[in-house]
Protein backbone atom coordinates (compact mmCIF):
# COMPACT_ATOMS: atom_id res chain seq x y z
CA MET A 1 166.65 167.31 -122.30
CA VAL A 2 170.15 166.84 -120.77
CA LYS A 3 167.85 165.52 -117.47
CA GLN A 4 165.98 163.14 -119.68
CA PHE A 5 169.49 161.92 -121.00
CA GLN A 6 170.54 161.76 -117.63
CA LEU A 7 167.26 159.72 -116.41
CA TYR A 8 167.64 157.45 -119.66
CA ARG A 9 171.59 156.57 -118.57
CA TRP A 10 171.17 156.50 -114.30
CA LEU A 11 167.98 153.46 -115.60
CA ARG A 12 170.57 151.60 -117.68
CA PHE A 13 173.49 151.82 -114.86
CA VAL A 14 170.85 150.43 -112.24
CA PHE A 15 169.67 147.14 -114.94
CA LEU A 16 173.36 147.01 -116.13
CA ALA A 17 174.94 146.33 -112.41
CA THR A 18 172.14 145.15 -110.94
CA ALA A 19 171.68 142.25 -113.63
CA GLY A 20 175.29 141.65 -113.80
CA ILE A 21 175.83 140.94 -109.74
CA VAL A 22 172.91 138.63 -109.72
CA ILE A 23 174.03 136.65 -112.97
CA VAL A 24 177.81 136.23 -110.96
CA LEU A 25 176.54 135.42 -108.15
CA GLU A 26 173.86 132.74 -108.52
CA PRO A 27 173.77 132.40 -112.19
CA THR A 28 171.68 129.12 -111.77
CA LYS A 29 169.33 130.68 -109.98
CA SER A 30 168.63 133.76 -111.28
CA LEU A 31 167.31 132.98 -114.52
CA ASP A 32 163.54 133.85 -113.78
CA PHE A 33 164.56 137.00 -112.05
CA ILE A 34 166.90 137.94 -115.12
CA ILE A 35 163.70 137.35 -117.21
CA TYR A 36 161.53 139.76 -114.90
CA LEU A 37 164.35 142.90 -114.93
CA VAL A 38 165.11 142.60 -118.23
CA SER A 39 161.08 143.06 -119.11
CA ALA A 40 160.73 145.42 -116.44
CA TYR A 41 163.80 147.60 -117.55
CA VAL A 42 161.71 147.69 -121.69
CA ALA A 43 158.54 148.56 -120.11
CA ILE A 44 159.49 151.15 -118.15
CA TYR A 45 162.10 152.47 -120.93
CA GLY A 46 158.62 152.03 -122.65
CA VAL A 47 156.80 154.10 -121.00
CA LEU A 48 159.04 156.74 -120.57
CA ALA A 49 159.52 156.90 -124.11
CA LEU A 50 155.23 157.69 -123.77
CA PHE A 51 156.03 160.27 -121.47
CA ASP A 52 158.24 161.79 -123.82
CA GLY A 53 156.19 161.44 -127.03
CA ILE A 54 152.91 162.37 -125.12
CA SER A 55 155.47 165.76 -123.96
CA ILE A 56 156.66 166.27 -127.68
CA ARG A 57 152.63 165.84 -128.78
CA ARG A 58 151.48 168.71 -126.42
CA LYS A 59 154.12 170.54 -127.80
CA THR A 60 154.26 170.44 -131.13
CA GLY A 61 150.46 168.57 -132.06
CA GLU A 62 152.58 165.81 -133.81
CA ASN A 63 152.92 162.37 -133.35
CA ASN A 64 156.67 160.98 -133.28
CA ILE A 65 158.45 158.06 -133.39
CA SER A 66 158.83 158.50 -128.93
CA LEU A 67 155.28 157.14 -128.89
CA GLY A 68 156.36 154.64 -131.18
CA PHE A 69 159.24 153.48 -129.61
CA GLY A 70 157.16 153.25 -126.31
CA ILE A 71 154.19 151.63 -127.68
CA ILE A 72 156.76 148.15 -129.28
CA ALA A 73 159.11 148.65 -126.16
CA LEU A 74 155.90 147.82 -124.05
CA ILE A 75 155.23 144.87 -126.51
CA VAL A 76 158.33 143.96 -125.99
CA ALA A 77 158.36 143.89 -122.09
CA VAL A 78 155.42 141.40 -122.54
CA LEU A 79 156.84 138.98 -124.99
CA ILE A 80 159.89 139.13 -123.22
CA LEU A 81 158.05 137.09 -120.12
CA PHE A 82 156.71 134.53 -122.81
CA VAL A 83 159.74 133.63 -124.78
CA ALA A 84 162.40 134.29 -122.95
CA LYS A 85 163.32 131.19 -121.35
CA PHE A 86 162.84 129.16 -124.62
CA LEU A 87 164.97 130.91 -127.01
CA VAL A 88 167.75 131.14 -124.08
CA SER A 89 167.77 127.00 -124.49
CA LEU A 90 168.45 127.41 -127.54
CA VAL A 91 171.50 129.46 -127.28
CA PRO A 92 173.75 126.31 -126.60
CA PRO A 93 173.00 124.08 -129.63
CA VAL A 94 173.01 126.74 -132.02
CA LEU A 95 176.39 128.45 -130.92
CA GLY A 96 177.76 124.64 -131.23
CA ILE A 97 176.62 124.03 -134.43
CA LEU A 98 178.09 127.44 -136.00
CA LEU A 99 180.98 126.52 -134.09
CA LEU A 100 181.54 123.32 -135.34
CA ALA A 101 180.44 124.56 -138.86
CA ASN A 102 182.66 127.21 -138.12
CA GLY A 103 185.94 124.71 -137.24
CA ILE A 104 185.03 122.19 -140.49
CA ASN A 105 185.31 124.93 -142.20
CA GLN A 106 188.11 126.84 -141.54
CA PHE A 107 190.04 122.91 -141.29
CA ARG A 108 188.65 122.87 -144.47
CA ASP A 109 190.07 126.32 -146.19
CA SER A 110 193.68 125.84 -144.38
CA HIS A 111 193.66 122.51 -146.41
CA GLU A 112 193.00 123.90 -149.52
CA THR A 113 195.60 126.78 -149.00
CA ARG A 114 198.04 124.47 -147.84
CA LYS A 115 197.94 123.10 -151.72
CA THR A 116 198.44 125.89 -153.09
CA VAL A 117 200.86 127.65 -150.80
CA ASN A 118 202.91 124.28 -149.72
CA VAL A 119 203.10 125.00 -146.28
CA THR A 120 201.40 123.26 -143.06
CA PRO A 121 199.58 125.94 -141.39
CA TRP A 122 199.57 124.59 -137.89
CA LEU A 123 197.91 127.05 -136.10
CA ASP A 124 195.06 127.16 -138.72
CA TYR A 125 194.72 123.64 -137.70
CA LEU A 126 194.83 124.36 -134.11
CA TYR A 127 192.18 126.76 -134.34
CA SER A 128 190.42 124.76 -136.16
CA ALA A 129 190.50 122.25 -134.12
CA LEU A 130 189.67 124.38 -130.31
CA LEU A 131 186.54 125.46 -132.77
CA ILE A 132 185.50 121.67 -133.50
CA ILE A 133 186.27 120.89 -130.13
CA ALA A 134 184.23 123.95 -128.69
CA GLY A 135 180.82 123.68 -130.59
CA ILE A 136 181.15 120.04 -129.43
CA VAL A 137 181.18 120.68 -125.84
CA PHE A 138 178.34 123.57 -126.49
CA ILE A 139 175.94 120.84 -128.27
CA LEU A 140 176.84 117.76 -125.80
CA ASN A 141 176.71 119.52 -122.34
CA PRO A 142 174.43 122.75 -123.16
CA SER A 143 173.55 123.51 -119.57
CA LYS A 144 177.57 123.99 -118.50
CA THR A 145 177.98 126.13 -121.39
CA ILE A 146 174.96 128.29 -120.83
CA ILE A 147 176.08 128.69 -117.04
CA PHE A 148 179.48 129.90 -118.48
CA LEU A 149 178.34 132.06 -121.29
CA TYR A 150 176.04 133.51 -119.38
CA GLN A 151 178.08 134.51 -115.95
CA LEU A 152 180.46 135.89 -118.44
CA PHE A 153 177.77 138.03 -119.77
CA GLY A 154 176.70 138.91 -116.22
CA VAL A 155 180.60 140.29 -116.41
CA ALA A 156 180.31 142.06 -119.45
CA LEU A 157 177.27 144.04 -117.92
CA ILE A 158 178.58 145.40 -114.66
CA VAL A 159 181.33 146.85 -116.83
CA LEU A 160 178.51 148.28 -119.19
CA ALA A 161 177.68 149.54 -115.82
CA PHE A 162 180.90 150.92 -115.18
CA PHE A 163 181.16 152.62 -117.87
CA GLU A 164 177.26 154.58 -118.11
CA ILE A 165 178.32 155.90 -114.62
CA ILE A 166 181.73 157.42 -116.54
CA ASN A 167 179.65 158.24 -119.40
CA SER A 168 177.01 160.11 -117.00
CA ARG A 169 179.73 162.11 -114.97
CA LEU A 170 181.55 163.47 -118.10
CA TYR A 171 178.23 164.72 -119.51
CA SER A 172 177.12 165.96 -116.18
CA ASN A 173 180.42 167.90 -116.29
CA LYS A 174 179.61 169.53 -119.62
CA LYS A 175 176.70 170.91 -118.55
């Protein structure tokens, strides 16, 4: 069981590190590669879960949740190939609308609070203005913002990969 757990950790490490490095180095050219990589990761996870489920069924004679996870993961891997580009293109405008609405609500709430407390909340107004500006930028310039968010996501994946290695070492020392 510990060996299987370590295998899943190494699979996550390889996926996270590869995806993160590719995204950070070539954000505009890597989208197709990342879609295939994510789909392959989910498919490999599905196959491993199916093998685990079949192994458990042979030992106990009962169906288990690993079989269901494996089948669902394989279906999701195929769906990723077909819908990922469409969903990625929706992120900046949707996020922009959310930021814009949040900024307007923040300003309104700050203004209403000012009436009851009788203090001018300059920091709240600044925060509201920044949210509104970010929302407008996300809506009007989605290609630049998606590249920026994509690179931040790549950096986060690299950090997560290193956490996987650290955790893998911690667990291997606990045997």
